[in-house]
């Protein structure tokens, strides 16, 4: 009787030991480009670097140099463009070329309409050269379009256009940031 109980406990112990551990969700396979991880790496790399920032609203511009900016805040529009989420797996299609991948929205209700990740020669080889994101948002009051550009060597830009429904003229906002050495 004691041997049977010991055998049962041994089998249960072995079954528990053979069960694979649950994988950390952050380490599980990603379906789309993980822009959040990339941006976090960029924030670390850029720490301590100054920027020159130009903001233009409807053609009127102002330029400032900013020492040690808060890069997470400066890149917030890029962070909010993360499409690498389980809920979005079947809502984008991937178009690949030799040196880039573009994620195109399949539904008109998605704010991120497309995202292109470019490499110098072959996909994933060398350093990423550019990210381009197109965003659109429409509601009962207005419609807005944004185009975001990011280049690790140069800086980034955000071009946005917003128009109230019924208005003829749209407001344009351009933000250009240059990384300084």
Protein backbone atom coordinates (compact mmCIF):
# COMPACT_ATOMS: atom_id res chain seq x y z
CA UNK A 1 0.00 0.00 0.00
CA UNK A 2 2.81 2.39 0.92
CA UNK A 3 4.58 1.63 -2.36
CA UNK A 4 1.46 2.52 -4.37
CA UNK A 5 1.08 5.86 -2.55
CA UNK A 6 4.75 6.62 -3.07
CA UNK A 7 4.42 5.72 -6.74
CA UNK A 8 1.39 8.04 -7.16
CA UNK A 9 3.26 10.92 -5.49
CA UNK A 10 6.31 10.24 -7.64
CA UNK A 11 4.20 10.30 -10.82
CA UNK A 12 2.50 13.56 -9.77
CA UNK A 13 5.87 15.10 -8.95
CA UNK A 14 7.27 14.07 -12.36
CA UNK A 15 4.22 15.45 -14.18
CA UNK A 16 4.61 18.80 -12.44
CA UNK A 17 8.32 18.89 -13.28
CA UNK A 18 7.63 18.10 -16.97
CA UNK A 19 5.07 20.88 -17.43
CA UNK A 20 6.71 23.73 -19.32
CA UNK A 21 6.79 27.00 -17.39
CA UNK A 22 4.55 29.81 -18.57
CA UNK A 23 6.45 32.21 -20.75
CA UNK A 24 6.62 35.86 -19.84
CA UNK A 25 4.21 37.65 -22.24
CA UNK A 26 6.92 40.19 -23.05
CA UNK A 27 9.10 37.37 -24.39
CA UNK A 28 6.45 35.56 -26.41
CA UNK A 29 6.59 35.68 -30.18
CA UNK A 30 5.55 39.03 -31.58
CA UNK A 31 3.28 39.32 -34.58
CA UNK A 32 4.30 42.81 -35.65
CA UNK A 33 7.37 44.98 -35.20
CA UNK A 34 7.85 45.71 -31.51
CA UNK A 35 8.12 49.50 -31.69
CA UNK A 36 7.87 49.88 -27.90
CA UNK A 37 11.03 47.84 -27.30
CA UNK A 38 12.79 49.72 -30.10
CA UNK A 39 11.79 53.11 -28.65
CA UNK A 40 12.89 52.10 -25.15
CA UNK A 41 16.32 51.19 -26.57
CA UNK A 42 16.44 54.53 -28.37
CA UNK A 43 15.55 56.42 -25.17
CA UNK A 44 18.48 54.68 -23.44
CA UNK A 45 20.82 55.41 -26.36
CA UNK A 46 19.82 59.07 -26.59
CA UNK A 47 20.01 59.80 -22.87
CA UNK A 48 22.01 62.96 -22.32
CA UNK A 49 21.86 64.07 -25.98
CA UNK A 50 20.43 67.49 -26.72
CA UNK A 51 17.92 68.26 -29.48
CA UNK A 52 16.95 71.13 -31.73
CA UNK A 53 13.16 71.29 -31.99
CA UNK A 54 11.18 73.31 -34.53
CA UNK A 55 7.43 73.66 -34.14
CA UNK A 56 5.37 75.19 -36.95
CA UNK A 57 1.67 75.96 -36.61
CA UNK A 58 -0.07 77.07 -39.79
CA UNK A 59 3.24 78.30 -41.22
CA UNK A 60 4.53 80.17 -38.15
CA UNK A 61 7.66 78.54 -36.74
CA UNK A 62 9.69 78.58 -33.56
CA UNK A 63 12.97 76.75 -32.97
CA UNK A 64 14.54 75.90 -29.61
CA UNK A 65 17.50 73.89 -28.44
CA UNK A 66 16.59 71.61 -25.55
CA UNK A 67 19.21 70.17 -23.23
CA UNK A 68 18.58 66.65 -21.97
CA UNK A 69 14.95 66.33 -23.07
CA UNK A 70 12.51 63.76 -21.73
CA UNK A 71 12.67 61.41 -24.69
CA UNK A 72 9.72 59.29 -23.57
CA UNK A 73 7.59 62.42 -23.65
CA UNK A 74 9.09 63.63 -26.94
CA UNK A 75 8.40 60.23 -28.55
CA UNK A 76 4.93 59.76 -27.03
CA UNK A 77 3.20 59.93 -30.42
CA UNK A 78 5.38 57.03 -31.59
CA UNK A 79 4.71 55.03 -28.42
CA UNK A 80 0.96 55.49 -28.94
CA UNK A 81 1.35 53.96 -32.41
CA UNK A 82 2.17 50.49 -31.10
CA UNK A 83 0.20 47.90 -33.11
CA UNK A 84 1.97 44.88 -31.64
CA UNK A 85 -1.01 43.77 -29.56
CA UNK A 86 -2.93 40.50 -29.51
CA UNK A 87 -6.20 42.31 -30.20
CA UNK A 88 -4.76 43.61 -33.50
CA UNK A 89 -3.27 40.38 -34.86
CA UNK A 90 -5.86 39.92 -37.61
CA UNK A 91 -6.49 43.61 -38.28
CA UNK A 92 -3.31 44.38 -40.25
CA UNK A 93 -1.72 42.77 -43.27
CA UNK A 94 2.03 42.63 -43.78
CA UNK A 95 3.57 43.72 -47.07
CA UNK A 96 7.25 42.78 -47.32
CA UNK A 97 10.05 43.86 -49.60
CA UNK A 98 13.75 43.03 -49.38
CA UNK A 99 14.51 45.91 -47.01
CA UNK A 100 11.18 46.82 -45.39
CA UNK A 101 7.93 45.65 -43.89
CA UNK A 102 4.72 47.64 -44.03
CA UNK A 103 1.79 46.87 -41.76
CA UNK A 104 -1.45 48.05 -43.41
CA UNK A 105 -4.73 48.41 -41.54
CA UNK A 106 -7.55 46.22 -42.82
CA UNK A 107 -10.25 48.23 -41.04
CA UNK A 108 -11.03 51.93 -41.49
CA UNK A 109 -11.61 52.37 -37.75
CA UNK A 110 -7.95 51.74 -36.85
CA UNK A 111 -6.05 54.95 -36.08
CA UNK A 112 -2.69 53.61 -37.29
CA UNK A 113 -3.37 53.21 -41.01
CA UNK A 114 0.08 51.88 -41.85
CA UNK A 115 3.56 51.53 -40.43
CA UNK A 116 6.70 50.96 -42.49
CA UNK A 117 9.97 49.76 -40.97
CA UNK A 118 13.03 50.17 -43.24
CA UNK A 119 16.51 48.66 -43.13
CA UNK A 120 19.48 49.64 -45.33
CA UNK A 121 19.66 46.45 -47.43
CA UNK A 122 17.93 43.31 -46.17
CA UNK A 123 15.13 43.09 -43.60
CA UNK A 124 16.55 42.88 -40.10
CA UNK A 125 20.19 43.25 -41.20
CA UNK A 126 22.14 46.21 -39.92
CA UNK A 127 20.63 49.15 -38.13
CA UNK A 128 17.06 50.19 -38.76
CA UNK A 129 17.11 53.30 -40.97
CA UNK A 130 13.58 54.65 -40.81
CA UNK A 131 10.09 54.24 -39.39
CA UNK A 132 7.15 55.90 -41.16
CA UNK A 133 3.68 55.84 -39.61
CA UNK A 134 0.42 57.18 -41.05
CA UNK A 135 -2.43 57.82 -38.63
CA UNK A 136 -6.00 58.97 -39.21
CA UNK A 137 -8.73 59.74 -36.77
CA UNK A 138 -12.28 60.83 -37.57
CA UNK A 139 -15.18 61.65 -35.32
CA UNK A 140 -18.33 63.77 -35.48
CA UNK A 141 -16.44 67.01 -34.84
CA UNK A 142 -13.20 66.75 -36.81
CA UNK A 143 -10.80 64.64 -38.79
CA UNK A 144 -7.06 64.44 -38.33
CA UNK A 145 -4.16 62.93 -40.23
CA UNK A 146 -0.63 62.49 -38.93
CA UNK A 147 2.54 61.28 -40.57
CA UNK A 148 5.39 60.32 -38.25
CA UNK A 149 8.99 59.87 -39.39
CA UNK A 150 11.79 58.47 -37.25
CA UNK A 151 15.45 58.13 -38.21
CA UNK A 152 17.83 56.94 -35.47
CA UNK A 153 20.74 58.91 -36.94
CA UNK A 154 18.94 62.17 -37.63
CA UNK A 155 15.84 62.68 -35.49
CA UNK A 156 12.11 62.62 -36.06
CA UNK A 157 9.22 64.60 -37.46
CA UNK A 158 5.47 64.69 -36.90
CA UNK A 159 3.29 66.34 -39.53
CA UNK A 160 -0.35 66.69 -38.59
CA UNK A 161 -3.36 68.20 -40.21
CA UNK A 162 -6.67 68.70 -38.41
CA UNK A 163 -9.89 70.00 -39.85
CA UNK A 164 -13.21 70.56 -38.16
CA UNK A 165 -16.10 68.99 -40.06
CA UNK A 166 -17.59 71.68 -42.30
CA UNK A 167 -14.50 73.91 -42.25
CA UNK A 168 -12.72 74.61 -45.50
CA UNK A 169 -9.24 75.17 -44.07
CA UNK A 170 -7.27 72.70 -42.00
CA UNK A 171 -4.80 73.54 -39.23
CA UNK A 172 -1.32 72.16 -39.84
CA UNK A 173 1.23 71.37 -37.15
CA UNK A 174 4.77 70.29 -37.94
CA UNK A 175 7.26 69.19 -35.32
CA UNK A 176 10.83 68.49 -36.40
CA UNK A 177 13.44 67.26 -33.95
CA UNK A 178 17.12 66.94 -34.78
CA UNK A 179 19.43 64.92 -32.53
CA UNK A 180 22.56 66.90 -31.62
CA UNK A 181 25.93 65.36 -30.82
